[in-house]
Amino acid sequence: MSDIAIRIENLGKKYRIGANQARYQTLRESLTSSFANLFKKGNGQHTEDNTIWALKDIDLEVKHGEVLGIIGRNGAGKSTLLKILARITKPTTGRVELNGRVGSLLEVGTGFHPELTGRENIYLSGAILGMHRQEINRKFDEIVDFSEIEKFLDTQVKHYSSGMYMRLAFAVAAHLEPEILLVDEVLAVGDAEFQKKCLGKMGDVAHEGRTVLFVSHNMAAIQNLSTSSILLNQGSILSKGKTNKIIDKYLSNLKSSDNSSMSLLTEGKRSGTGSVKLSGFRIENAKGIPIDFIQSGEEVNFVFLYQKADLSNEPLKNVDIGFSIHELSSSSPLFVLYSSYMGTSFQIRSGNGEIQCNLKTFPIAAGRYRLGARITINGIESDWPQMGIGHINVVESDFYGTGQIGFGSTAPLLISGKWSLEK
């Protein structure tokens, strides 16, 4: 028996922009569409300009028992790849060979029949996987206990909330023992406790030797569950290798859409003398590479660009710069840090420059936050953009080094301490 669970050769998927891919057509509509397409081709109107390749030239082998993380920006082709493997979408080119029973947990709404109850959908899902009723019966109680929706088991799933639906869908996908499990953003729905429960179960599935393909924007989950990963970019595999190296490459390749290209000099609502103004900012990792996402707990550099109004070399002394981080829904900062707090002030001579603040352990949980900044000279405000200077995106990581994640729903700030029991 081959040790290859999934073999993909020259896989491609092309979509026509503006075409309704999902809608079924009547015979009359199909014939009309066919004649219209022939006419367009004859007049040179139907070109490649209105098509897009969601996937192109994908070659990949996944071994039995391998847990493969799939990483990439939105639109990179991650979900399309899993839909083809789950036989929801047909490829345009290439072939896929699957050696084993396939279970999938893709977006909410896929896989269950809305008119059937939760109980009926459990048996339907098992039958689709090729399981006998006796096999499903053996797993039934485990599925219901995990999903925690016993009270609604005989309710049609069309009446479920998205959280209830995902609980049952994950329980079914993880417990009916497919040889190959496809999971797409399982953590997108559900509370922190359910997310931890899902990750724990996925870890169990991986240790049982089943093949798992896992798509997520949660880098900590990818790192904890996947030994190897691929990085997709614009429908092609950019890189494949050990997960930690692929994550580093992914984060390094992210160009900051929020900050590095942003000019603050045009920001009108600001106060201060204007002797020195903030002209921009960027975020870098410990290696000095600009990034768009910060991982909780990682070392990070905040780099603030400034412009001195006076072009002479006359120095400005006692320049103090500070920044604050705010939740989007609050004007109160999570923390404020000025250089003077650390006993540091600056002397500025040249017209343009950068001031950097290094944080060894970034203490904020996953989320999107607003960044504020202010410059003073000898205690007098020089520049304060009152609407802030941009936003930062934080992704989850194993902050405490215990393999646990998902603490952001409890509180935004993460701190560590040593615990002991005194008798």
Protein backbone atom coordinates (compact mmCIF):
# COMPACT_ATOMS: atom_id res chain seq x y z
CA MET A 1 0.00 0.00 0.00
CA SER A 2 1.26 3.49 -0.90
CA ASP A 3 2.15 5.82 1.96
CA ILE A 4 0.65 8.74 -0.02
CA ALA A 5 -2.79 9.86 1.19
CA ILE A 6 -3.23 12.75 -1.26
CA ARG A 7 -1.52 13.21 -4.62
CA ILE A 8 -2.19 16.41 -6.61
CA GLU A 9 -0.80 16.91 -10.11
CA ASN A 10 -0.97 20.09 -12.23
CA LEU A 11 -4.13 21.20 -10.43
CA GLY A 12 -5.81 24.38 -11.62
CA LYS A 13 -9.15 26.09 -11.11
CA LYS A 14 -10.34 28.91 -13.36
CA TYR A 15 -13.37 31.10 -12.73
CA ARG A 16 -15.07 33.51 -15.07
CA ILE A 17 -15.46 36.90 -13.41
CA GLY A 18 -19.10 37.87 -13.05
CA ALA A 19 -20.35 34.36 -13.78
CA ASN A 20 -22.75 32.81 -11.31
CA GLN A 21 -20.90 29.56 -10.66
CA ALA A 22 -23.39 28.09 -8.22
CA ARG A 23 -26.74 28.65 -9.96
CA TYR A 24 -28.30 25.78 -11.90
CA GLN A 25 -29.59 26.65 -15.38
CA THR A 26 -32.66 25.45 -17.24
CA LEU A 27 -32.19 23.70 -20.60
CA ARG A 28 -33.35 26.85 -22.36
CA GLU A 29 -30.84 29.00 -20.44
CA SER A 30 -28.01 26.54 -21.17
CA LEU A 31 -28.73 26.53 -24.92
CA THR A 32 -29.04 30.32 -25.00
CA SER A 33 -25.76 30.69 -23.07
CA SER A 34 -23.96 28.26 -25.40
CA PHE A 35 -25.03 30.13 -28.55
CA ALA A 36 -24.10 33.44 -26.93
CA ASN A 37 -20.62 32.16 -26.06
CA LEU A 38 -20.07 30.93 -29.63
CA PHE A 39 -21.08 34.32 -30.94
CA LYS A 40 -18.70 36.09 -28.51
CA LYS A 41 -15.79 33.89 -29.52
CA GLY A 42 -16.46 34.52 -33.18
CA ASN A 43 -16.30 38.26 -32.58
CA GLY A 44 -13.25 38.12 -30.33
CA GLN A 45 -15.23 39.41 -27.34
CA HIS A 46 -14.70 36.48 -24.98
CA THR A 47 -11.09 36.76 -23.81
CA GLU A 48 -8.94 35.72 -20.88
CA ASP A 49 -9.42 39.22 -19.44
CA ASN A 50 -12.63 38.15 -17.70
CA THR A 51 -11.21 34.98 -16.15
CA ILE A 52 -9.15 34.39 -13.04
CA TRP A 53 -7.12 31.38 -11.90
CA ALA A 54 -7.92 30.70 -8.25
CA LEU A 55 -5.38 27.82 -8.38
CA LYS A 56 -2.71 27.12 -10.96
CA ASP A 57 -0.04 24.42 -11.41
CA ILE A 58 -0.46 22.86 -7.95
CA ASP A 59 1.68 19.76 -7.40
CA LEU A 60 1.58 18.26 -3.93
CA GLU A 61 1.90 14.96 -2.08
CA VAL A 62 0.64 14.45 1.47
CA LYS A 63 1.57 11.28 3.33
CA HIS A 64 -0.72 9.19 5.51
CA GLY A 65 -0.65 10.57 9.05
CA GLU A 66 0.72 13.97 8.00
CA VAL A 67 -0.84 17.14 9.42
CA LEU A 68 -0.39 19.83 6.78
CA GLY A 69 -1.03 23.49 7.51
CA ILE A 70 -2.18 25.68 4.61
CA ILE A 71 -1.25 29.34 4.98
CA GLY A 72 -1.85 32.38 2.80
CA ARG A 73 -3.55 35.72 2.52
CA ASN A 74 -7.24 36.07 1.69
CA GLY A 75 -7.77 35.09 -1.95
CA ALA A 76 -4.64 32.93 -2.10
CA GLY A 77 -6.68 29.83 -3.01
CA LYS A 78 -6.75 27.98 0.33
CA SER A 79 -10.49 27.36 0.50
CA THR A 80 -10.70 26.55 -3.22
CA LEU A 81 -8.07 23.84 -2.75
CA LEU A 82 -10.02 22.20 0.08
CA LYS A 83 -13.30 22.41 -1.86
CA ILE A 84 -11.70 20.53 -4.75
CA LEU A 85 -10.34 17.88 -2.38
CA ALA A 86 -13.78 17.59 -0.77
CA ARG A 87 -15.32 17.12 -4.25
CA ILE A 88 -17.50 20.21 -3.84
CA THR A 89 -15.80 21.99 -6.76
CA LYS A 90 -14.44 20.47 -9.98
CA PRO A 91 -10.90 21.38 -11.05
CA THR A 92 -10.31 23.01 -14.43
CA THR A 93 -7.01 21.22 -15.01
CA GLY A 94 -5.02 18.41 -13.41
CA ARG A 95 -5.97 15.49 -11.23
CA VAL A 96 -6.39 14.59 -7.56
CA GLU A 97 -5.87 11.13 -6.07
CA LEU A 98 -7.32 10.52 -2.59
CA ASN A 99 -6.43 7.28 -0.82
CA GLY A 100 -8.84 7.09 2.08
CA ARG A 101 -12.25 8.15 3.32
CA VAL A 102 -12.56 11.97 3.30
CA GLY A 103 -14.34 14.07 5.90
CA SER A 104 -14.52 17.85 5.66
CA LEU A 105 -15.39 20.82 7.80
CA LEU A 106 -15.47 23.82 5.52
CA GLU A 107 -17.52 27.02 5.85
CA VAL A 108 -20.70 27.00 7.95
CA GLY A 109 -23.54 25.71 5.79
CA THR A 110 -21.59 23.03 3.93
CA GLY A 111 -22.41 19.36 4.44
CA PHE A 112 -25.73 19.36 6.36
CA HIS A 113 -29.23 19.30 4.91
CA PRO A 114 -31.09 22.29 6.41
CA GLU A 115 -34.49 20.52 6.46
CA LEU A 116 -33.15 17.59 8.49
CA THR A 117 -32.67 17.53 12.26
CA GLY A 118 -29.30 17.39 13.94
CA ARG A 119 -29.83 13.68 14.66
CA GLU A 120 -30.71 12.94 11.03
CA ASN A 121 -27.73 14.89 9.74
CA ILE A 122 -25.35 12.86 11.91
CA TYR A 123 -26.56 9.66 10.23
CA LEU A 124 -26.58 11.31 6.80
CA SER A 125 -22.97 12.44 7.21
CA GLY A 126 -21.91 8.97 8.29
CA ALA A 127 -23.68 7.38 5.33
CA ILE A 128 -21.94 9.79 2.92
CA LEU A 129 -18.62 8.67 4.44
CA GLY A 130 -19.59 5.05 3.71
CA MET A 131 -20.18 4.05 7.34
CA HIS A 132 -22.69 1.45 8.45
CA ARG A 133 -25.45 2.45 10.87
CA GLN A 134 -23.86 0.33 13.61
CA GLU A 135 -20.58 2.29 13.25
CA ILE A 136 -22.44 5.60 13.55
CA ASN A 137 -24.37 4.30 16.58
CA ARG A 138 -21.08 3.57 18.37
CA LYS A 139 -19.94 7.18 17.86
CA PHE A 140 -23.31 8.85 18.33
CA ASP A 141 -23.12 9.62 22.07
CA GLU A 142 -19.56 10.98 21.73
CA ILE A 143 -20.68 13.32 18.96
CA VAL A 144 -23.64 14.64 20.95
CA ASP A 145 -21.58 15.09 24.14
CA PHE A 146 -18.87 17.00 22.28
CA SER A 147 -21.32 19.28 20.45
CA GLU A 148 -23.24 20.15 23.67
CA ILE A 149 -26.51 20.60 21.74
CA GLU A 150 -28.43 17.56 23.00
CA LYS A 151 -31.47 19.73 23.75
CA PHE A 152 -31.74 20.74 20.07
CA LEU A 153 -30.84 17.39 18.53
CA ASP A 154 -34.32 16.85 17.05
CA THR A 155 -34.61 20.41 15.71
CA GLN A 156 -34.06 21.13 12.01
CA VAL A 157 -30.55 22.53 11.60
CA LYS A 158 -31.89 25.49 9.58
CA HIS A 159 -33.03 26.86 12.95
CA TYR A 160 -29.55 26.54 14.53
CA SER A 161 -27.34 29.52 15.23
CA SER A 162 -23.98 29.55 13.41
CA GLY A 163 -22.29 28.53 16.67
CA MET A 164 -24.60 25.55 17.22
CA TYR A 165 -24.18 24.50 13.59
CA MET A 166 -20.40 24.63 13.82
CA ARG A 167 -20.36 22.69 17.09
CA LEU A 168 -22.31 19.82 15.56
CA ALA A 169 -20.46 19.98 12.22
CA PHE A 170 -17.07 19.78 13.91
CA ALA A 171 -18.20 16.98 16.24
CA VAL A 172 -19.40 14.93 13.27
CA ALA A 173 -16.30 15.59 11.14
CA ALA A 174 -13.88 14.76 13.96
CA HIS A 175 -15.63 11.71 15.43
CA LEU A 176 -16.74 9.73 12.37
CA GLU A 177 -13.12 8.75 11.74
CA PRO A 178 -12.35 9.69 8.14
CA GLU A 179 -8.83 8.76 7.05
CA ILE A 180 -8.44 12.27 5.59
CA LEU A 181 -9.86 15.31 7.41
CA LEU A 182 -10.13 18.72 5.69
CA VAL A 183 -10.63 21.67 8.05
CA ASP A 184 -11.11 25.29 6.96
CA GLU A 185 -11.09 28.03 9.62
CA VAL A 186 -12.76 25.97 12.33
CA LEU A 187 -11.98 28.74 14.83
CA ALA A 188 -13.93 31.39 12.91
CA VAL A 189 -17.12 30.61 14.85
CA GLY A 190 -17.57 29.84 18.52
CA ASP A 191 -16.40 31.06 21.91
CA ALA A 192 -12.90 30.65 23.34
CA GLU A 193 -13.77 27.49 25.27
CA PHE A 194 -15.18 25.80 22.17
CA GLN A 195 -12.12 26.85 20.16
CA LYS A 196 -9.81 25.22 22.72
CA LYS A 197 -11.96 22.10 22.70
CA CYS A 198 -11.75 21.91 18.88
CA LEU A 199 -7.98 22.34 18.91
CA GLY A 200 -7.65 19.63 21.53
CA LYS A 201 -9.75 17.22 19.47
CA MET A 202 -7.79 18.05 16.32
CA GLY A 203 -4.62 17.26 18.23
CA ASP A 204 -6.11 13.88 19.18
CA VAL A 205 -7.04 13.20 15.53
CA ALA A 206 -3.51 14.04 14.43
CA HIS A 207 -1.95 11.74 17.05
CA GLU A 208 -4.22 8.89 15.90
CA GLY A 209 -2.33 8.92 12.59
CA ARG A 210 -5.04 10.37 10.39
CA THR A 211 -4.19 12.80 7.61
CA VAL A 212 -5.29 16.40 8.29
CA LEU A 213 -5.22 19.45 6.01
CA PHE A 214 -5.76 22.54 8.13
CA VAL A 215 -6.48 26.05 6.82
CA SER A 216 -6.33 28.87 9.36
CA HIS A 217 -5.20 32.46 9.88
CA ASN A 218 -4.39 31.49 13.48
CA MET A 219 -0.64 31.01 13.30
CA ALA A 220 -0.46 29.56 16.82
CA ALA A 221 -2.96 26.84 15.93
CA ILE A 222 -1.09 26.07 12.70
CA GLN A 223 2.20 25.88 14.62
CA ASN A 224 0.81 23.65 17.39
CA LEU A 225 -0.98 21.18 15.12
CA SER A 226 1.05 21.05 11.89
CA THR A 227 4.51 19.59 11.44
CA SER A 228 4.72 20.82 7.86
CA SER A 229 2.91 23.56 5.93
CA ILE A 230 2.54 25.13 2.51
CA LEU A 231 2.35 28.83 1.71
CA LEU A 232 -0.11 29.72 -1.04
CA ASN A 233 0.20 32.97 -2.94
CA GLN A 234 -2.12 33.99 -5.81
CA GLY A 235 -3.15 30.40 -6.43
CA SER A 236 0.33 28.85 -6.48
CA ILE A 237 2.47 27.12 -3.86
CA LEU A 238 5.14 29.64 -2.90
CA SER A 239 6.89 27.39 -0.40
CA LYS A 240 6.59 24.05 1.43
CA GLY A 241 8.50 22.90 4.49
CA LYS A 242 8.60 22.84 8.28
CA THR A 243 5.77 24.86 9.78
CA ASN A 244 7.88 27.33 11.77
CA LYS A 245 9.88 28.29 8.66
CA ILE A 246 6.75 28.66 6.52
CA ILE A 247 5.09 30.88 9.15
CA ASP A 248 8.22 33.07 9.31
CA LYS A 249 8.16 33.40 5.52
CA TYR A 250 4.45 34.22 5.50
CA LEU A 251 4.76 36.92 8.14
CA SER A 252 7.87 38.33 6.45
CA ASN A 253 6.08 38.54 3.10
CA LEU A 254 3.16 40.48 4.49
CA LYS A 255 3.56 44.07 3.42
CA SER A 256 1.91 46.46 5.79
CA SER A 257 -1.26 47.78 4.24
CA ASP A 258 -2.00 49.77 7.38
CA ASN A 259 1.25 51.49 8.20
CA SER A 260 4.49 51.28 6.21
CA SER A 261 3.13 53.16 3.19
CA MET A 262 1.09 55.59 5.25
CA SER A 263 2.08 59.28 5.29
CA LEU A 264 1.02 61.16 8.40
CA LEU A 265 2.05 64.60 7.15
CA THR A 266 -1.31 65.04 5.39
CA GLU A 267 -3.25 64.20 8.55
CA GLY A 268 -5.06 67.45 9.31
CA LYS A 269 -6.48 67.02 12.81
CA ARG A 270 -3.40 67.43 14.98
CA SER A 271 -2.11 69.75 17.67
CA GLY A 272 1.31 71.01 18.82
CA THR A 273 3.99 73.50 17.80
CA GLY A 274 4.99 71.45 14.72
CA SER A 275 8.75 71.73 15.43
CA VAL A 276 8.96 67.97 14.89
CA LYS A 277 6.13 66.04 13.26
CA LEU A 278 5.37 62.35 12.92
CA SER A 279 5.59 61.50 9.21
CA GLY A 280 4.85 57.77 9.34
CA PHE A 281 5.39 54.51 11.18
CA ARG A 282 6.00 50.83 10.57
CA ILE A 283 6.25 47.63 12.57
CA GLU A 284 9.20 45.25 12.29
CA ASN A 285 9.95 41.83 13.70
CA ALA A 286 13.10 41.04 15.69
CA LYS A 287 15.07 40.67 12.43
CA GLY A 288 14.13 44.17 11.28
CA ILE A 289 11.71 42.93 8.60
CA PRO A 290 8.50 45.00 8.16
CA ILE A 291 5.38 43.04 9.14
CA ASP A 292 1.64 43.59 9.10
CA PHE A 293 0.72 41.06 11.80
CA ILE A 294 2.20 40.84 15.29
CA GLN A 295 2.13 37.53 17.14
CA SER A 296 1.23 37.83 20.83
CA GLY A 297 4.36 37.39 22.92
CA GLU A 298 6.87 37.94 20.11
CA GLU A 299 9.64 40.52 20.02
CA VAL A 300 8.61 43.52 17.95
CA ASN A 301 9.93 46.96 16.98
CA PHE A 302 7.75 50.06 16.60
CA VAL A 303 9.50 52.48 14.23
CA PHE A 304 8.31 56.10 14.17
CA LEU A 305 9.34 58.38 11.30
CA TYR A 306 9.68 62.09 12.01
CA GLN A 307 10.32 65.32 10.12
CA LYS A 308 11.98 68.37 11.64
CA ALA A 309 10.45 71.67 10.47
CA ASP A 310 13.68 73.68 10.84
CA LEU A 311 16.16 72.45 8.21
CA SER A 312 19.16 73.88 10.08
CA ASN A 313 21.47 71.67 12.11
CA GLU A 314 20.48 73.48 15.30
CA PRO A 315 19.72 70.62 17.69
CA LEU A 316 16.38 70.14 19.40
CA LYS A 317 17.02 68.75 22.88
CA ASN A 318 14.87 66.71 25.27
CA VAL A 319 12.66 65.24 22.55
CA ASP A 320 10.28 62.72 24.09
CA ILE A 321 8.10 60.36 22.03
CA GLY A 322 5.36 58.06 23.26
CA PHE A 323 2.74 55.75 21.84
CA SER A 324 -0.48 54.17 23.03
CA ILE A 325 -2.56 51.19 21.94
CA HIS A 326 -6.35 51.28 22.11
CA GLU A 327 -9.18 48.83 21.52
CA LEU A 328 -11.28 50.04 18.58
CA SER A 329 -14.34 50.52 20.77
CA SER A 330 -12.55 52.51 23.49
CA SER A 331 -10.73 55.82 23.78
CA SER A 332 -8.92 54.65 26.92
CA PRO A 333 -5.50 53.15 26.13
CA LEU A 334 -4.47 49.62 27.04
CA PHE A 335 -1.06 51.08 27.78
CA VAL A 336 1.05 54.19 27.16
CA LEU A 337 4.83 54.11 26.80
CA TYR A 338 6.99 57.24 26.49
CA SER A 339 10.74 57.15 26.00
CA SER A 340 11.05 59.32 29.13
CA TYR A 341 9.43 56.55 31.20
CA MET A 342 12.56 54.52 30.45
CA GLY A 343 14.86 57.46 31.24
CA THR A 344 15.52 58.19 27.54
CA SER A 345 15.17 61.44 25.60
CA PHE A 346 16.56 62.39 22.18
CA GLN A 347 18.46 65.18 20.51
CA ILE A 348 17.38 65.77 16.90
CA ARG A 349 19.57 67.57 14.35
CA SER A 350 18.65 66.39 10.83
CA GLY A 351 15.43 67.07 8.96
CA ASN A 352 14.23 63.46 8.76
CA GLY A 353 14.84 60.35 10.82
CA GLU A 354 13.46 57.41 12.74
CA ILE A 355 13.00 56.59 16.41
CA GLN A 356 12.56 52.96 17.38
CA CYS A 357 11.01 51.28 20.41
CA ASN A 358 11.77 47.60 21.00
CA LEU A 359 9.35 45.40 22.97
CA LYS A 360 10.86 42.04 23.89
CA THR A 361 7.47 40.44 24.60
CA PHE A 362 4.39 41.96 22.97
CA PRO A 363 1.70 41.71 25.69
CA ILE A 364 -1.57 42.05 23.76
CA ALA A 365 -4.02 39.32 22.73
CA ALA A 366 -5.29 38.72 19.20
CA GLY A 367 -7.37 41.47 17.63
CA ARG A 368 -7.23 44.75 15.75
CA TYR A 369 -6.17 47.86 17.64
CA ARG A 370 -5.69 51.60 17.10
CA LEU A 371 -2.25 53.15 17.57
CA GLY A 372 -1.72 56.66 18.88
CA ALA A 373 1.54 58.66 19.20
CA ARG A 374 2.74 62.02 20.52
CA ILE A 375 5.98 64.03 20.51
CA THR A 376 6.97 66.63 23.13
CA ILE A 377 10.05 68.87 23.37
CA ASN A 378 11.04 70.04 26.87
CA GLY A 379 7.58 69.00 28.01
CA ILE A 380 5.78 71.08 25.36
CA GLU A 381 3.64 69.28 22.81
CA SER A 382 5.24 69.29 19.37
CA ASP A 383 2.89 66.93 17.50
CA TRP A 384 -0.17 64.86 18.31
CA PRO A 385 -2.29 63.38 15.48
CA GLN A 386 -5.58 63.28 17.34
CA MET A 387 -7.20 60.50 15.28
CA GLY A 388 -4.23 58.19 15.83
CA ILE A 389 -1.57 57.12 13.38
CA GLY A 390 -2.99 53.80 12.14
CA HIS A 391 -3.95 50.29 13.20
CA ILE A 392 -2.13 47.11 14.17
CA ASN A 393 -3.28 43.51 13.72
CA VAL A 394 -2.35 40.93 16.35
CA VAL A 395 -2.62 37.16 15.86
CA GLU A 396 -2.68 34.48 18.56
CA SER A 397 0.42 32.67 19.66
CA ASP A 398 1.46 30.30 22.41
CA PHE A 399 2.14 33.25 24.74
CA TYR A 400 2.59 31.16 27.89
CA GLY A 401 4.51 28.33 26.24
CA THR A 402 1.94 25.78 27.41
CA GLY A 403 0.29 24.97 24.08
CA GLN A 404 -2.85 26.85 25.11
CA ILE A 405 -4.26 29.76 23.10
CA GLY A 406 -7.50 31.73 22.82
CA PHE A 407 -7.16 33.99 25.87
CA GLY A 408 -8.11 37.15 23.96
CA SER A 409 -11.82 36.81 24.81
CA THR A 410 -10.96 37.04 28.52
CA ALA A 411 -8.95 40.27 28.46
CA PRO A 412 -6.80 42.08 25.87
CA LEU A 413 -3.63 42.26 27.98
CA LEU A 414 -1.50 39.15 28.55
CA ILE A 415 0.82 38.91 31.55
CA SER A 416 2.74 35.98 32.99
CA GLY A 417 3.48 35.18 36.60
CA LYS A 418 4.91 32.39 38.71
CA TRP A 419 2.31 30.50 40.73
CA SER A 420 2.97 28.46 43.88
CA LEU A 421 1.05 26.84 46.72
CA GLU A 422 2.27 27.61 50.21
CA LYS A 423 1.26 25.10 52.91
